[in-house]
Amino acid sequence: MDTLVTVAIVLGVLLVYVVPMVITGLKGKQGMLLAGVFLHPVWWVGAIRLALPDSYWARRFYGPDKLARAGDRHARPPLGPPPDHITALGADDRT
C-alpha cells in the first residue's frame, strides 16, 4: 500500500509541476519559465497560451493557420516607449 501511495504522489507532482513547466519551455516562453519557479501557476498560463512562432512547439504541433496566428501575434508592434513622467512634470511653460 505504501508503494501505491508513493507512486500516486510522484505522478501527481509530475502532472502539477513538471508537465506545464516542460510545455512552457517548449513553447519558447523563457520569461514565464523563470517566473514559474517562484509562482507555479505561471507555468499553467504559459502552457495554455499560444506558442512563439519559432519555438519547437509551434513548428511541431501547429498547422499553417495556427502558425500564422502565432506569427501575427508575435509581430505586433510594441505599445511604444513608457512615458517620461519626470520630463512631463517640467514641461509646464510658465516662463
N, C-alpha and C. Protein backbone atom coordinates (compact mmCIF):
# COMPACT_ATOMS: atom_id res chain seq x y z
N MET A 1 0.82 -1.20 0.00
CA MET A 1 0.00 0.00 0.00
C MET A 1 0.86 1.26 0.00
N ASP A 2 1.98 1.23 0.69
CA ASP A 2 2.85 2.40 0.73
C ASP A 2 3.43 2.70 -0.64
N THR A 3 3.73 1.68 -1.40
CA THR A 3 4.29 1.89 -2.73
C THR A 3 3.26 2.55 -3.65
N LEU A 4 2.02 2.15 -3.53
CA LEU A 4 0.96 2.74 -4.35
C LEU A 4 0.78 4.22 -4.03
N VAL A 5 0.84 4.57 -2.76
CA VAL A 5 0.71 5.97 -2.36
C VAL A 5 1.89 6.78 -2.88
N THR A 6 3.08 6.22 -2.79
CA THR A 6 4.28 6.91 -3.28
C THR A 6 4.18 7.16 -4.78
N VAL A 7 3.75 6.16 -5.53
CA VAL A 7 3.61 6.31 -6.97
C VAL A 7 2.55 7.36 -7.30
N ALA A 8 1.45 7.38 -6.55
CA ALA A 8 0.41 8.38 -6.79
C ALA A 8 0.93 9.79 -6.50
N ILE A 9 1.72 9.95 -5.46
CA ILE A 9 2.28 11.27 -5.14
C ILE A 9 3.25 11.72 -6.22
N VAL A 10 4.09 10.83 -6.69
CA VAL A 10 5.06 11.18 -7.73
C VAL A 10 4.34 11.55 -9.02
N LEU A 11 3.32 10.80 -9.39
CA LEU A 11 2.56 11.13 -10.60
C LEU A 11 1.83 12.46 -10.45
N GLY A 12 1.31 12.73 -9.26
CA GLY A 12 0.64 14.00 -9.02
C GLY A 12 1.59 15.18 -9.15
N VAL A 13 2.78 15.04 -8.60
CA VAL A 13 3.78 16.11 -8.70
C VAL A 13 4.18 16.32 -10.17
N LEU A 14 4.35 15.24 -10.90
CA LEU A 14 4.69 15.36 -12.31
C LEU A 14 3.60 16.09 -13.08
N LEU A 15 2.35 15.75 -12.82
CA LEU A 15 1.25 16.39 -13.55
C LEU A 15 1.09 17.86 -13.19
N VAL A 16 1.30 18.20 -11.93
CA VAL A 16 1.05 19.57 -11.49
C VAL A 16 2.23 20.50 -11.79
N TYR A 17 3.44 20.01 -11.68
CA TYR A 17 4.60 20.89 -11.80
C TYR A 17 5.43 20.66 -13.07
N VAL A 18 5.80 19.44 -13.33
CA VAL A 18 6.77 19.18 -14.40
C VAL A 18 6.16 19.32 -15.79
N VAL A 19 4.98 18.81 -16.00
CA VAL A 19 4.38 18.84 -17.34
C VAL A 19 4.16 20.28 -17.83
N PRO A 20 3.51 21.17 -17.06
CA PRO A 20 3.36 22.54 -17.57
C PRO A 20 4.69 23.28 -17.70
N MET A 21 5.67 22.93 -16.85
CA MET A 21 6.98 23.56 -16.95
C MET A 21 7.65 23.20 -18.29
N VAL A 22 7.59 21.94 -18.64
CA VAL A 22 8.21 21.48 -19.89
C VAL A 22 7.48 22.08 -21.10
N ILE A 23 6.17 22.10 -21.07
CA ILE A 23 5.40 22.66 -22.19
C ILE A 23 5.70 24.15 -22.35
N THR A 24 5.77 24.87 -21.24
CA THR A 24 6.09 26.30 -21.30
C THR A 24 7.46 26.52 -21.91
N GLY A 25 8.43 25.69 -21.55
CA GLY A 25 9.76 25.80 -22.14
C GLY A 25 9.77 25.48 -23.62
N LEU A 26 9.03 24.45 -24.03
CA LEU A 26 8.97 24.09 -25.44
C LEU A 26 8.26 25.13 -26.28
N LYS A 27 7.39 25.92 -25.65
CA LYS A 27 6.70 26.98 -26.37
C LYS A 27 7.54 28.24 -26.50
N GLY A 28 8.75 28.22 -25.94
CA GLY A 28 9.68 29.33 -26.10
C GLY A 28 9.43 30.49 -25.15
N LYS A 29 8.77 30.26 -24.07
CA LYS A 29 8.43 31.33 -23.13
C LYS A 29 9.37 31.28 -21.93
N GLN A 30 10.60 31.73 -22.13
CA GLN A 30 11.61 31.64 -21.08
C GLN A 30 11.29 32.55 -19.89
N GLY A 31 10.68 33.70 -20.13
CA GLY A 31 10.31 34.59 -19.03
C GLY A 31 9.29 33.94 -18.11
N MET A 32 8.30 33.30 -18.71
CA MET A 32 7.29 32.60 -17.90
C MET A 32 7.89 31.38 -17.23
N LEU A 33 8.84 30.76 -17.88
CA LEU A 33 9.50 29.61 -17.28
C LEU A 33 10.23 30.01 -16.01
N LEU A 34 10.92 31.13 -16.06
CA LEU A 34 11.64 31.62 -14.88
C LEU A 34 10.67 32.11 -13.81
N ALA A 35 9.62 32.82 -14.20
CA ALA A 35 8.65 33.32 -13.22
C ALA A 35 7.92 32.16 -12.54
N GLY A 36 7.73 31.07 -13.25
CA GLY A 36 7.04 29.92 -12.68
C GLY A 36 7.81 29.24 -11.57
N VAL A 37 9.10 29.46 -11.52
CA VAL A 37 9.89 28.91 -10.41
C VAL A 37 9.40 29.50 -9.10
N PHE A 38 9.00 30.77 -9.11
CA PHE A 38 8.56 31.45 -7.90
C PHE A 38 7.06 31.41 -7.72
N LEU A 39 6.32 31.38 -8.83
CA LEU A 39 4.86 31.36 -8.79
C LEU A 39 4.39 30.30 -9.79
N HIS A 40 4.13 29.10 -9.30
CA HIS A 40 3.89 27.95 -10.16
C HIS A 40 2.72 28.07 -11.14
N PRO A 41 1.63 28.77 -10.82
CA PRO A 41 0.55 28.88 -11.82
C PRO A 41 0.96 29.57 -13.12
N VAL A 42 2.06 30.31 -13.10
CA VAL A 42 2.54 30.95 -14.33
C VAL A 42 2.88 29.88 -15.37
N TRP A 43 3.34 28.73 -14.93
CA TRP A 43 3.63 27.65 -15.88
C TRP A 43 2.35 27.18 -16.57
N TRP A 44 1.25 27.14 -15.87
CA TRP A 44 -0.01 26.74 -16.49
C TRP A 44 -0.45 27.77 -17.52
N VAL A 45 -0.27 29.04 -17.21
CA VAL A 45 -0.62 30.09 -18.17
C VAL A 45 0.25 29.96 -19.42
N GLY A 46 1.55 29.75 -19.22
CA GLY A 46 2.46 29.58 -20.35
C GLY A 46 2.15 28.35 -21.18
N ALA A 47 1.68 27.30 -20.53
CA ALA A 47 1.36 26.07 -21.24
C ALA A 47 0.07 26.20 -22.04
N ILE A 48 -0.84 27.05 -21.59
CA ILE A 48 -2.13 27.20 -22.26
C ILE A 48 -2.07 28.20 -23.41
N ARG A 49 -1.29 29.25 -23.24
CA ARG A 49 -1.26 30.32 -24.25
C ARG A 49 -0.55 29.88 -25.54
N LEU A 50 -0.73 30.67 -26.57
CA LEU A 50 -0.17 30.40 -27.89
C LEU A 50 1.36 30.45 -27.85
N ALA A 51 2.02 29.53 -28.51
CA ALA A 51 3.48 29.46 -28.52
C ALA A 51 4.09 30.53 -29.42
N LEU A 52 5.35 30.81 -29.20
CA LEU A 52 6.08 31.71 -30.10
C LEU A 52 6.24 31.01 -31.44
N PRO A 53 6.20 31.75 -32.55
CA PRO A 53 6.19 31.11 -33.86
C PRO A 53 7.46 30.34 -34.21
N ASP A 54 8.59 30.68 -33.62
CA ASP A 54 9.83 29.97 -33.94
C ASP A 54 10.19 28.91 -32.89
N SER A 55 9.27 28.60 -32.00
CA SER A 55 9.55 27.61 -30.96
C SER A 55 9.37 26.19 -31.50
N TYR A 56 9.93 25.24 -30.78
CA TYR A 56 9.78 23.83 -31.15
C TYR A 56 8.31 23.43 -31.15
N TRP A 57 7.56 23.88 -30.17
CA TRP A 57 6.15 23.51 -30.04
C TRP A 57 5.36 23.96 -31.27
N ALA A 58 5.59 25.18 -31.71
CA ALA A 58 4.85 25.71 -32.86
C ALA A 58 5.22 24.96 -34.14
N ARG A 59 6.50 24.71 -34.31
CA ARG A 59 6.94 24.00 -35.53
C ARG A 59 6.41 22.57 -35.55
N ARG A 60 6.32 21.94 -34.40
CA ARG A 60 5.94 20.53 -34.34
C ARG A 60 4.43 20.31 -34.35
N PHE A 61 3.69 21.14 -33.61
CA PHE A 61 2.29 20.85 -33.38
C PHE A 61 1.30 21.78 -34.08
N TYR A 62 1.75 22.90 -34.62
CA TYR A 62 0.82 23.85 -35.23
C TYR A 62 0.73 23.63 -36.73
N GLY A 63 -0.48 23.74 -37.25
CA GLY A 63 -0.69 23.72 -38.69
C GLY A 63 -0.43 25.11 -39.25
N PRO A 64 -0.61 25.27 -40.55
CA PRO A 64 -0.32 26.57 -41.17
C PRO A 64 -1.16 27.72 -40.61
N ASP A 65 -2.44 27.45 -40.33
CA ASP A 65 -3.31 28.52 -39.83
C ASP A 65 -2.89 28.99 -38.44
N LYS A 66 -2.66 28.05 -37.56
CA LYS A 66 -2.29 28.41 -36.19
C LYS A 66 -0.88 29.00 -36.14
N LEU A 67 0.01 28.53 -36.99
CA LEU A 67 1.36 29.09 -37.06
C LEU A 67 1.31 30.54 -37.56
N ALA A 68 0.42 30.81 -38.52
CA ALA A 68 0.26 32.19 -39.00
C ALA A 68 -0.32 33.08 -37.90
N ARG A 69 -1.25 32.53 -37.11
CA ARG A 69 -1.82 33.29 -35.99
C ARG A 69 -0.75 33.61 -34.95
N ALA A 70 0.12 32.64 -34.68
CA ALA A 70 1.22 32.88 -33.74
C ALA A 70 2.18 33.93 -34.29
N GLY A 71 2.44 33.88 -35.58
CA GLY A 71 3.32 34.87 -36.20
C GLY A 71 2.73 36.27 -36.16
N ASP A 72 1.41 36.36 -36.40
CA ASP A 72 0.74 37.66 -36.33
C ASP A 72 0.78 38.23 -34.92
N ARG A 73 0.57 37.39 -33.94
CA ARG A 73 0.58 37.86 -32.56
C ARG A 73 1.97 38.30 -32.15
N HIS A 74 2.98 37.57 -32.59
CA HIS A 74 4.35 37.90 -32.22
C HIS A 74 4.85 39.14 -32.96
N ALA A 75 4.30 39.41 -34.13
CA ALA A 75 4.78 40.53 -34.95
C ALA A 75 4.10 41.85 -34.60
N ARG A 76 3.21 41.86 -33.63
CA ARG A 76 2.55 43.12 -33.26
C ARG A 76 3.58 44.14 -32.80
N PRO A 77 3.41 45.37 -33.21
CA PRO A 77 4.36 46.39 -32.75
C PRO A 77 4.18 46.65 -31.26
N PRO A 78 5.24 47.02 -30.59
CA PRO A 78 5.10 47.32 -29.16
C PRO A 78 4.24 48.56 -28.97
N LEU A 79 3.76 48.74 -27.77
CA LEU A 79 2.88 49.87 -27.49
C LEU A 79 3.59 51.20 -27.51
N GLY A 80 4.89 51.19 -27.52
CA GLY A 80 5.66 52.43 -27.53
C GLY A 80 6.47 52.55 -26.27
N PRO A 81 7.31 53.57 -26.22
CA PRO A 81 8.14 53.73 -25.03
C PRO A 81 7.29 54.15 -23.84
N PRO A 82 7.74 53.82 -22.66
CA PRO A 82 6.99 54.26 -21.48
C PRO A 82 7.05 55.78 -21.36
N PRO A 83 6.03 56.37 -20.79
CA PRO A 83 6.03 57.83 -20.68
C PRO A 83 7.12 58.31 -19.72
N ASP A 84 7.68 59.46 -20.04
CA ASP A 84 8.72 60.05 -19.19
C ASP A 84 8.04 61.05 -18.26
N HIS A 85 7.65 60.60 -17.09
CA HIS A 85 6.89 61.43 -16.16
C HIS A 85 7.71 62.59 -15.61
N ILE A 86 9.00 62.40 -15.45
CA ILE A 86 9.83 63.47 -14.90
C ILE A 86 9.90 64.64 -15.88
N THR A 87 10.10 64.37 -17.16
CA THR A 87 10.14 65.42 -18.16
C THR A 87 8.76 66.08 -18.30
N ALA A 88 7.72 65.29 -18.19
CA ALA A 88 6.36 65.83 -18.31
C ALA A 88 6.06 66.81 -17.17
N LEU A 89 6.61 66.55 -16.01
CA LEU A 89 6.39 67.46 -14.88
C LEU A 89 7.04 68.82 -15.13
N GLY A 90 8.21 68.82 -15.77
CA GLY A 90 8.92 70.06 -16.03
C GLY A 90 8.51 70.73 -17.32
N ALA A 91 7.56 70.17 -18.06
CA ALA A 91 7.19 70.72 -19.36
C ALA A 91 6.22 71.88 -19.25
N ASP A 92 5.91 72.30 -18.08
CA ASP A 92 4.99 73.42 -17.88
C ASP A 92 5.68 74.72 -18.28
N ASP A 93 5.19 75.41 -19.31
CA ASP A 93 5.81 76.63 -19.84
C ASP A 93 5.23 77.87 -19.18
N ARG A 94 5.64 78.16 -17.97
CA ARG A 94 5.13 79.34 -17.27
C ARG A 94 6.14 80.47 -17.27
N THR A 95 7.12 80.44 -18.07
CA THR A 95 8.16 81.48 -18.05
C THR A 95 7.76 82.71 -18.78
